[in-house]
Protein backbone atom coordinates (compact mmCIF):
# COMPACT_ATOMS: atom_id res chain seq x y z
CA MET A 1 -71.02 -33.40 -120.32
CA SER A 2 -74.09 -34.63 -118.49
CA SER A 3 -77.70 -35.60 -118.78
CA ASP A 4 -78.34 -33.18 -115.93
CA PRO A 5 -77.18 -29.81 -117.34
CA ALA A 6 -76.04 -27.39 -114.70
CA PHE A 7 -76.96 -24.34 -116.72
CA SER A 8 -79.87 -23.06 -118.72
CA SER A 9 -79.82 -23.49 -122.50
CA ASP A 10 -81.64 -20.19 -122.97
CA PRO A 11 -79.35 -18.04 -125.22
CA ALA A 12 -80.25 -14.95 -123.21
CA VAL A 13 -79.08 -16.58 -120.00
CA MET A 14 -76.00 -18.15 -121.56
CA SER A 15 -74.73 -14.72 -122.61
CA GLY A 16 -73.68 -14.10 -119.02
CA PRO A 17 -74.33 -15.16 -115.42
CA ASP A 18 -77.71 -14.22 -113.99
CA SER A 19 -78.25 -13.18 -110.39
CA ARG A 20 -79.07 -16.71 -109.27
CA TRP A 21 -75.83 -18.06 -110.74
CA ARG A 22 -73.90 -15.28 -109.00
CA GLU A 23 -75.50 -16.27 -105.71
CA ARG A 24 -74.40 -19.88 -106.18
CA HIS A 25 -70.85 -18.83 -106.97
CA ALA A 26 -70.83 -16.50 -103.95
CA VAL A 27 -71.75 -19.42 -101.67
CA LEU A 28 -68.84 -21.43 -103.04
CA ALA A 29 -66.46 -18.46 -102.91
CA ALA A 30 -67.35 -17.81 -99.25
CA GLY A 31 -65.52 -20.98 -98.28
CA TYR A 32 -66.60 -23.87 -96.12
CA GLY A 33 -68.09 -23.47 -92.69
CA GLY A 34 -65.83 -25.97 -90.96
CA ARG A 35 -68.53 -26.78 -88.43
CA ASP A 36 -67.45 -29.47 -85.96
CA ASP A 37 -68.54 -33.01 -86.69
CA PRO A 38 -71.69 -34.20 -84.92
CA ALA A 39 -71.27 -36.60 -82.02
CA ASP A 40 -73.11 -39.29 -83.96
CA PRO A 41 -70.87 -40.51 -86.85
CA ALA A 42 -73.98 -41.40 -88.84
CA LEU A 43 -74.82 -37.71 -89.09
CA VAL A 44 -71.50 -36.73 -90.70
CA LEU A 45 -72.22 -35.11 -94.07
CA ALA A 46 -70.50 -36.23 -97.27
CA MET A 47 -70.86 -36.01 -101.03
CA PRO A 48 -70.88 -39.49 -102.57
CA ILE A 49 -69.02 -39.90 -105.86
CA VAL A 50 -69.85 -43.00 -107.87
CA LEU A 51 -67.19 -44.22 -110.29
CA HIS A 52 -68.27 -46.39 -113.22
CA ILE A 53 -65.66 -49.17 -113.37
CA PRO A 54 -66.91 -52.07 -115.49
CA LYS A 55 -65.06 -55.32 -114.94
CA ALA A 56 -64.64 -56.21 -118.61
CA ASP A 57 -63.65 -52.83 -120.00
CA PRO A 58 -62.50 -50.47 -117.24
CA PRO A 59 -61.93 -46.79 -118.08
CA LYS A 60 -58.60 -45.04 -118.10
CA ARG A 61 -57.66 -43.72 -114.70
CA THR A 62 -56.93 -40.17 -115.82
CA ALA A 63 -60.21 -39.74 -117.70
CA LEU A 64 -62.16 -41.11 -114.73
CA LEU A 65 -60.50 -38.64 -112.37
CA GLU A 66 -61.26 -35.79 -114.75
CA ALA A 67 -64.90 -36.88 -114.84
CA ALA A 68 -65.05 -36.96 -111.03
CA ALA A 69 -63.47 -33.51 -110.69
CA THR A 70 -65.88 -32.02 -113.21
CA ALA A 71 -68.95 -33.67 -111.71
CA ALA A 72 -68.17 -32.36 -108.22
CA VAL A 73 -67.83 -28.71 -109.21
CA ALA A 74 -70.77 -28.90 -111.63
CA LEU A 75 -73.05 -30.03 -108.83
CA CYS A 76 -71.88 -27.18 -106.60
CA LEU A 77 -72.97 -24.63 -109.20
CA ASP A 78 -76.07 -26.44 -110.43
CA GLU A 79 -79.24 -24.37 -110.35
CA ARG A 80 -80.88 -26.93 -108.05
CA VAL A 81 -78.57 -26.05 -105.14
CA GLY A 82 -79.67 -22.42 -105.26
CA PHE A 83 -82.94 -20.53 -105.44
CA THR A 84 -85.60 -20.36 -108.12
CA GLU A 85 -86.70 -17.19 -109.88
CA ASP A 86 -89.47 -16.96 -107.29
CA GLY A 87 -86.98 -17.04 -104.43
CA GLU A 88 -87.87 -20.57 -103.41
CA PRO A 89 -85.05 -22.98 -102.50
CA GLY A 90 -84.19 -25.53 -105.17
CA PRO A 91 -84.64 -29.24 -104.49
CA TRP A 92 -80.98 -29.70 -103.50
CA HIS A 93 -80.55 -26.44 -101.60
CA GLU A 94 -81.07 -27.62 -98.04
CA ASP A 95 -78.77 -30.64 -98.28
CA TYR A 96 -76.07 -28.76 -100.17
CA SER A 97 -76.14 -25.77 -97.81
CA ALA A 98 -75.79 -28.00 -94.78
CA TRP A 99 -72.81 -29.72 -96.38
CA VAL A 100 -70.88 -26.57 -97.34
CA GLY A 101 -71.44 -25.28 -93.82
CA ALA A 102 -69.65 -28.32 -92.39
CA ARG A 103 -66.31 -30.03 -93.03
CA ILE A 104 -66.23 -30.90 -96.70
CA ARG A 105 -66.09 -34.63 -97.22
CA LYS A 106 -66.46 -36.84 -100.27
CA VAL A 107 -66.65 -40.63 -100.36
CA SER A 108 -66.04 -42.46 -103.63
CA ARG A 109 -67.61 -45.80 -104.47
CA ARG A 110 -67.39 -48.00 -107.53
CA ALA A 111 -70.28 -49.36 -109.58
CA ARG A 112 -70.78 -51.54 -112.61
CA GLY A 113 -73.68 -52.90 -114.63
CA ALA A 114 -77.05 -52.65 -112.90
CA GLN A 115 -75.42 -50.85 -109.96
CA TRP A 116 -74.34 -48.01 -112.22
CA LEU A 117 -77.77 -47.77 -113.81
CA ALA A 118 -79.39 -47.64 -110.37
CA ALA A 119 -77.03 -44.85 -109.31
CA GLN A 120 -78.40 -42.71 -112.15
CA GLU A 121 -81.74 -42.65 -110.34
CA VAL A 122 -80.21 -41.01 -107.25
CA PRO A 123 -80.09 -37.17 -107.44
CA GLY A 124 -76.79 -35.97 -108.84
CA ILE A 125 -74.80 -35.17 -111.97
CA THR A 126 -73.04 -37.63 -114.27
CA VAL A 127 -70.06 -36.59 -116.36
CA ASP A 128 -68.49 -38.55 -119.20
CA VAL A 129 -64.87 -37.92 -120.25
CA ASP A 130 -63.72 -40.03 -123.17
CA GLY A 131 -66.01 -42.86 -122.10
CA ALA A 132 -65.07 -42.68 -118.42
CA GLN A 133 -68.05 -41.82 -116.23
CA ALA A 134 -68.44 -40.49 -112.70
CA ARG A 135 -71.52 -39.28 -110.88
CA ALA A 136 -71.46 -36.75 -108.03
CA LEU A 137 -74.48 -37.14 -105.77
CA VAL A 138 -76.25 -34.60 -103.58
CA PRO A 139 -74.52 -34.58 -100.17
CA GLY A 140 -76.20 -35.93 -97.07
CA PRO A 141 -75.63 -37.79 -93.79
CA VAL A 142 -73.54 -40.92 -94.28
CA GLY A 143 -75.97 -42.88 -92.11
CA GLU A 144 -78.88 -42.01 -94.38
CA LEU A 145 -77.24 -42.98 -97.65
CA ASP A 146 -79.57 -44.24 -100.35
CA PRO A 147 -79.61 -48.07 -100.23
CA ARG A 148 -78.67 -48.19 -103.92
CA ILE A 149 -75.45 -46.34 -103.10
CA LYS A 150 -74.78 -47.82 -99.66
CA LYS A 151 -74.32 -51.29 -101.16
CA LEU A 152 -71.52 -50.10 -103.46
CA GLN A 153 -67.95 -50.87 -102.47
CA ILE A 154 -65.70 -48.05 -101.30
CA GLY A 155 -62.44 -49.91 -101.82
CA GLY A 156 -61.18 -53.05 -103.44
CA THR A 157 -60.80 -51.71 -106.97
CA ASP A 158 -58.08 -49.58 -108.45
CA LEU A 159 -56.95 -48.66 -111.94
CA GLU A 160 -53.48 -48.72 -113.41
CA HIS A 161 -51.81 -45.40 -114.07
CA ASP A 162 -52.00 -44.44 -117.72
CA GLU A 163 -49.98 -42.01 -119.82
CA PRO A 164 -52.36 -39.27 -120.98
CA GLY A 165 -49.64 -36.96 -122.28
CA PRO A 166 -49.27 -33.27 -121.45
CA PRO A 167 -52.23 -31.29 -120.09
CA GLU A 168 -54.61 -29.91 -122.69
CA PRO A 169 -53.83 -26.23 -123.41
CA GLY A 170 -56.34 -23.74 -122.10
CA LEU A 171 -57.70 -25.98 -119.33
CA PRO A 172 -57.08 -25.84 -115.58
CA VAL A 173 -54.66 -28.52 -114.43
CA LEU A 174 -55.14 -30.52 -111.24
CA TRP A 175 -51.70 -31.86 -110.30
CA ILE A 176 -51.74 -34.94 -108.07
CA ASP A 177 -48.79 -35.67 -105.81
CA SER A 178 -47.91 -39.07 -107.26
CA ALA A 179 -45.57 -39.79 -104.34
CA LEU A 180 -48.65 -40.40 -102.17
CA GLU A 181 -49.73 -43.34 -104.35
CA MET A 182 -53.43 -42.77 -103.71
CA THR A 183 -56.01 -45.26 -104.95
CA VAL A 184 -58.38 -44.07 -107.68
CA GLY A 185 -61.15 -43.76 -105.08
CA LYS A 186 -59.09 -41.54 -102.81
CA ALA A 187 -57.72 -39.52 -105.73
CA SER A 188 -61.22 -38.93 -107.14
CA ALA A 189 -62.33 -37.36 -103.87
CA GLN A 190 -59.21 -35.20 -103.78
CA VAL A 191 -59.59 -33.85 -107.32
CA GLY A 192 -63.25 -33.21 -106.51
CA HIS A 193 -62.10 -31.04 -103.61
CA ALA A 194 -59.60 -29.32 -105.90
CA SER A 195 -62.11 -28.39 -108.60
CA MET A 196 -64.37 -26.85 -105.96
CA LEU A 197 -61.52 -24.85 -104.42
CA LEU A 198 -60.44 -23.65 -107.84
CA ALA A 199 -63.94 -22.46 -108.78
CA ALA A 200 -64.22 -20.71 -105.42
CA ALA A 201 -60.89 -18.91 -105.94
CA MET A 202 -61.85 -17.74 -109.42
CA SER A 203 -63.54 -14.44 -110.06
CA GLU A 204 -67.18 -14.63 -111.04
CA LYS A 205 -66.26 -13.99 -114.69
CA GLN A 206 -63.47 -16.58 -114.72
CA CYS A 207 -65.71 -19.21 -113.19
CA TRP A 208 -68.55 -18.41 -115.59
CA ASP A 209 -66.20 -18.81 -118.54
CA TRP A 210 -65.06 -22.15 -117.14
CA ALA A 211 -68.68 -23.20 -116.77
CA GLN A 212 -69.29 -22.49 -120.45
CA ASN A 213 -66.57 -25.05 -121.17
CA ASP A 214 -68.44 -27.58 -118.97
CA PHE A 215 -65.80 -27.31 -116.24
CA ARG A 216 -63.38 -29.36 -118.31
CA CYS A 217 -59.99 -29.86 -116.69
CA SER A 218 -56.80 -31.86 -117.02
CA VAL A 219 -55.80 -34.17 -114.19
CA ARG A 220 -52.19 -35.31 -114.17
CA ASP A 221 -49.84 -37.20 -111.86
CA ALA A 222 -47.07 -34.75 -111.15
CA SER A 223 -43.44 -35.71 -111.46
CA PRO A 224 -41.21 -34.34 -108.67
CA GLU A 225 -40.26 -31.47 -110.98
CA GLN A 226 -43.85 -30.69 -111.93
CA TRP A 227 -44.93 -30.83 -108.30
CA ALA A 228 -42.15 -28.42 -107.32
CA GLU A 229 -43.28 -26.02 -110.05
CA ALA A 230 -46.88 -26.25 -108.83
CA VAL A 231 -45.75 -25.50 -105.28
CA VAL A 232 -44.01 -22.36 -106.56
CA ARG A 233 -47.27 -21.30 -108.24
CA LEU A 234 -49.08 -21.97 -104.96
CA LYS A 235 -46.68 -19.79 -102.99
CA LYS A 236 -47.29 -17.00 -105.49
CA SER A 237 -51.05 -17.35 -104.92
CA GLU A 238 -51.40 -18.55 -108.50
CA ALA A 239 -52.88 -21.90 -107.52
CA VAL A 240 -54.91 -23.59 -104.78
CA ALA A 241 -54.13 -26.76 -102.84
CA VAL A 242 -56.02 -29.56 -101.13
CA ARG A 243 -54.73 -30.55 -97.72
CA ASP A 244 -56.20 -33.80 -96.54
CA ALA A 245 -57.52 -34.40 -93.04
CA GLY A 246 -55.83 -37.78 -93.02
CA PHE A 247 -58.80 -40.03 -92.30
CA THR A 248 -57.75 -42.54 -95.00
CA GLU A 249 -54.60 -43.47 -96.94
CA VAL A 250 -52.51 -40.32 -96.34
CA ALA A 251 -51.11 -38.55 -93.30
CA PRO A 252 -53.05 -35.62 -91.83
CA GLY A 253 -52.14 -32.35 -93.52
CA SER A 254 -50.81 -33.99 -96.66
CA MET A 255 -51.02 -31.74 -99.71
CA THR A 256 -52.65 -34.06 -102.22
CA VAL A 257 -53.59 -31.88 -105.20
CA ILE A 258 -52.57 -28.46 -106.49
CA ALA A 259 -55.01 -26.89 -108.93
CA VAL A 260 -53.54 -24.40 -111.39
CA PRO A 261 -55.97 -22.22 -113.37
């Protein structure tokens, strides 16, 4: 999954969640603070997501979105956002805690070549799905973005829709409302929101089991019929949905993704 494993490889720890992992899941399960935005736009907090989109051999859209969704939730449950065995805050704790206490935002940027290599030096987690790579970075103020990330383009690049086939059995499915025609950058942020919401809605045991499968998920563009079925699951409290604030591309309150466990 990543060169930055979110979990210990100690067999004793891997047999079940330890108290520190439970604390991290509890923070996610508590929901987001929804604190009002600061008056200074530069102080707005966001999680950057870097999408590796080489010019010569771009990845498949679906695999890239799956990588982005996995990277986002993996960072949220990484041991570095929590506390150490000695009760000291991990290196990402302060920034992550401030972010989950505010309005959750993600901003996707594309990188290629040396840009992508430079992004690996910025704290975060990279996930590879069938050769498609995305890196979720530690959240922070948008005005204090690392120069190596700030130079990356937010828009200007999209990927054609592919045909990945039916969702893989046994994995959560993140259904995208294809009628919204979101760019890959917008969609990657939305599925990142969805994976977080899904992990938060899961029981501790369910989420731990998902973690042992490296938070793998299926992302699919929903047909009108599939979207209607997902909405039914949502109304039965069998799924969770992302409703966008409407800052870019879609209208405020648009339901962009429904995540089905």
